[in-house]
Amino acid sequence: MKHGTSRDEQAISEARNLGPVSSSILPGLGIKTIGDLRSLGWEEVALRVLNEHPRFINLNMLRALIGATYDRDFRDIPEADLVKARQMIALFRK
């Protein structure tokens, strides 16, 4: 993933895969740009969402965050990240 590109400077609402709900809550968690998401990583962002807005955390949200981080379609994310997302969801439910 390329850091420091003009894409990184775009508002989080311009990120691939993120809908209006995600785009509206992330700035309040300090994620205002695509670069912020990439710098923090989807795992850290997921933890922030979990702490502040737990009802929004589910596998679809994590897939969207992963896709937005890599600027890829949520159906085309790395398998290792998908496995990690599933593990996180399992832990969140406990």
C-alpha atoms as a PDB file:
ATOM      1  CA  MET A   1       0.000   0.000   0.000  1.00  0.00           C
ATOM      2  CA  LYS A   2       1.308   3.407  -0.902  1.00  0.00           C
ATOM      3  CA  HIS A   3       1.569   5.983   1.850  1.00  0.00           C
ATOM      4  CA  GLY A   4       2.008   9.679   1.311  1.00  0.00           C
ATOM      5  CA  THR A   5      -0.090   9.773  -1.841  1.00  0.00           C
ATOM      6  CA  SER A   6      -2.801  12.293  -2.610  1.00  0.00           C
ATOM      7  CA  ARG A   7      -5.309   9.504  -1.886  1.00  0.00           C
ATOM      8  CA  ASP A   8      -4.080   9.528   1.716  1.00  0.00           C
ATOM      9  CA  GLU A   9      -5.106  13.174   2.008  1.00  0.00           C
ATOM     10  CA  GLN A  10      -8.693  12.515   0.935  1.00  0.00           C
ATOM     11  CA  ALA A  11     -11.485  12.595   3.485  1.00  0.00           C
ATOM     12  CA  ILE A  12     -12.388   9.245   5.035  1.00  0.00           C
ATOM     13  CA  SER A  13     -15.798   9.570   3.385  1.00  0.00           C
ATOM     14  CA  GLU A  14     -14.003   9.038   0.046  1.00  0.00           C
ATOM     15  CA  ALA A  15     -12.538   5.691   1.134  1.00  0.00           C
ATOM     16  CA  ARG A  16     -13.536   2.617  -0.791  1.00  0.00           C
ATOM     17  CA  ASN A  17     -16.151   0.347   0.856  1.00  0.00           C
ATOM     18  CA  LEU A  18     -17.113   2.708   3.682  1.00  0.00           C
ATOM     19  CA  GLY A  19     -20.745   3.708   3.840  1.00  0.00           C
ATOM     20  CA  PRO A  20     -22.377   6.740   5.407  1.00  0.00           C
ATOM     21  CA  VAL A  21     -22.454   5.342   8.956  1.00  0.00           C
ATOM     22  CA  SER A  22     -18.768   4.415   9.006  1.00  0.00           C
ATOM     23  CA  SER A  23     -17.851   7.695   7.346  1.00  0.00           C
ATOM     24  CA  SER A  24     -19.787   9.628   9.970  1.00  0.00           C
ATOM     25  CA  ILE A  25     -18.385   7.922  13.086  1.00  0.00           C
ATOM     26  CA  LEU A  26     -14.711   7.606  12.116  1.00  0.00           C
ATOM     27  CA  PRO A  27     -13.850  11.339  12.206  1.00  0.00           C
ATOM     28  CA  GLY A  28     -15.018  11.456  15.822  1.00  0.00           C
ATOM     29  CA  LEU A  29     -12.473   8.729  16.558  1.00  0.00           C
ATOM     30  CA  GLY A  30      -9.589  10.684  15.027  1.00  0.00           C
ATOM     31  CA  ILE A  31      -9.779   9.080  11.576  1.00  0.00           C
ATOM     32  CA  LYS A  32     -10.458  12.017   9.291  1.00  0.00           C
ATOM     33  CA  THR A  33      -8.520  10.973   6.183  1.00  0.00           C
ATOM     34  CA  ILE A  34      -7.682   7.809   4.306  1.00  0.00           C
ATOM     35  CA  GLY A  35      -4.093   8.376   5.430  1.00  0.00           C
ATOM     36  CA  ASP A  36      -5.223   8.328   9.065  1.00  0.00           C
ATOM     37  CA  LEU A  37      -6.835   4.923   8.500  1.00  0.00           C
ATOM     38  CA  ARG A  38      -3.744   3.571   6.787  1.00  0.00           C
ATOM     39  CA  SER A  39      -1.403   4.933   9.438  1.00  0.00           C
ATOM     40  CA  LEU A  40      -3.382   3.429  12.295  1.00  0.00           C
ATOM     41  CA  GLY A  41      -4.245   0.191  10.523  1.00  0.00           C
ATOM     42  CA  TRP A  42      -7.664  -1.408  10.376  1.00  0.00           C
ATOM     43  CA  GLU A  43      -7.139  -3.327  13.626  1.00  0.00           C
ATOM     44  CA  GLU A  44      -6.594  -0.169  15.694  1.00  0.00           C
ATOM     45  CA  VAL A  45      -9.537   1.530  14.000  1.00  0.00           C
ATOM     46  CA  ALA A  46     -11.724  -1.504  14.752  1.00  0.00           C
ATOM     47  CA  LEU A  47     -10.753  -1.314  18.426  1.00  0.00           C
ATOM     48  CA  ARG A  48     -11.622   2.387  18.529  1.00  0.00           C
ATOM     49  CA  VAL A  49     -15.013   1.693  16.968  1.00  0.00           C
ATOM     50  CA  LEU A  50     -15.568  -1.161  19.419  1.00  0.00           C
ATOM     51  CA  ASN A  51     -14.805   1.093  22.388  1.00  0.00           C
ATOM     52  CA  GLU A  52     -17.011   3.987  21.277  1.00  0.00           C
ATOM     53  CA  HIS A  53     -19.671   2.399  19.042  1.00  0.00           C
ATOM     54  CA  PRO A  54     -19.773  -1.347  19.801  1.00  0.00           C
ATOM     55  CA  ARG A  55     -23.082  -1.942  18.044  1.00  0.00           C
ATOM     56  CA  PHE A  56     -21.430  -1.157  14.682  1.00  0.00           C
ATOM     57  CA  ILE A  57     -18.732  -3.826  14.931  1.00  0.00           C
ATOM     58  CA  ASN A  58     -19.385  -6.881  12.784  1.00  0.00           C
ATOM     59  CA  LEU A  59     -17.541  -8.819  10.111  1.00  0.00           C
ATOM     60  CA  ASN A  60     -18.914  -6.633   7.329  1.00  0.00           C
ATOM     61  CA  MET A  61     -17.586  -3.505   9.046  1.00  0.00           C
ATOM     62  CA  LEU A  62     -14.166  -5.102   9.452  1.00  0.00           C
ATOM     63  CA  ARG A  63     -14.115  -6.227   5.818  1.00  0.00           C
ATOM     64  CA  ALA A  64     -14.968  -2.668   4.773  1.00  0.00           C
ATOM     65  CA  LEU A  65     -12.174  -1.258   6.961  1.00  0.00           C
ATOM     66  CA  ILE A  66      -9.674  -3.759   5.554  1.00  0.00           C
ATOM     67  CA  GLY A  67     -10.699  -2.968   1.997  1.00  0.00           C
ATOM     68  CA  ALA A  68     -10.512   0.766   2.665  1.00  0.00           C
ATOM     69  CA  THR A  69      -7.058   0.368   4.192  1.00  0.00           C
ATOM     70  CA  TYR A  70      -5.731  -1.424   1.100  1.00  0.00           C
ATOM     71  CA  ASP A  71      -7.960   0.509  -1.363  1.00  0.00           C
ATOM     72  CA  ARG A  72      -9.404  -2.807  -2.541  1.00  0.00           C
ATOM     73  CA  ASP A  73     -12.902  -4.187  -2.877  1.00  0.00           C
ATOM     74  CA  PHE A  74     -14.045  -5.754   0.394  1.00  0.00           C
ATOM     75  CA  ARG A  75     -14.455  -9.086  -1.442  1.00  0.00           C
ATOM     76  CA  ASP A  76     -10.803  -9.008  -2.513  1.00  0.00           C
ATOM     77  CA  ILE A  77      -8.984  -8.552   0.778  1.00  0.00           C
ATOM     78  CA  PRO A  78      -5.984 -10.610   1.884  1.00  0.00           C
ATOM     79  CA  GLU A  79      -6.967 -13.945   3.423  1.00  0.00           C
ATOM     80  CA  ALA A  80      -4.702 -13.364   6.433  1.00  0.00           C
ATOM     81  CA  ASP A  81      -6.616 -10.172   7.263  1.00  0.00           C
ATOM     82  CA  LEU A  82      -9.960 -11.911   6.824  1.00  0.00           C
ATOM     83  CA  VAL A  83      -8.871 -14.640   9.241  1.00  0.00           C
ATOM     84  CA  LYS A  84      -7.744 -12.000  11.740  1.00  0.00           C
ATOM     85  CA  ALA A  85     -11.068 -10.162  11.352  1.00  0.00           C
ATOM     86  CA  ARG A  86     -13.015 -13.353  12.060  1.00  0.00           C
ATOM     87  CA  GLN A  87     -10.891 -13.980  15.150  1.00  0.00           C
ATOM     88  CA  MET A  88     -11.489 -10.433  16.374  1.00  0.00           C
ATOM     89  CA  ILE A  89     -15.248 -10.805  15.954  1.00  0.00           C
ATOM     90  CA  ALA A  90     -15.167 -14.076  17.887  1.00  0.00           C
ATOM     91  CA  LEU A  91     -13.298 -12.334  20.742  1.00  0.00           C
ATOM     92  CA  PHE A  92     -15.662  -9.346  20.706  1.00  0.00           C
ATOM     93  CA  ARG A  93     -18.653 -11.633  21.152  1.00  0.00           C
ATOM     94  CA  LYS A  94     -17.271 -13.237  24.293  1.00  0.00           C
END
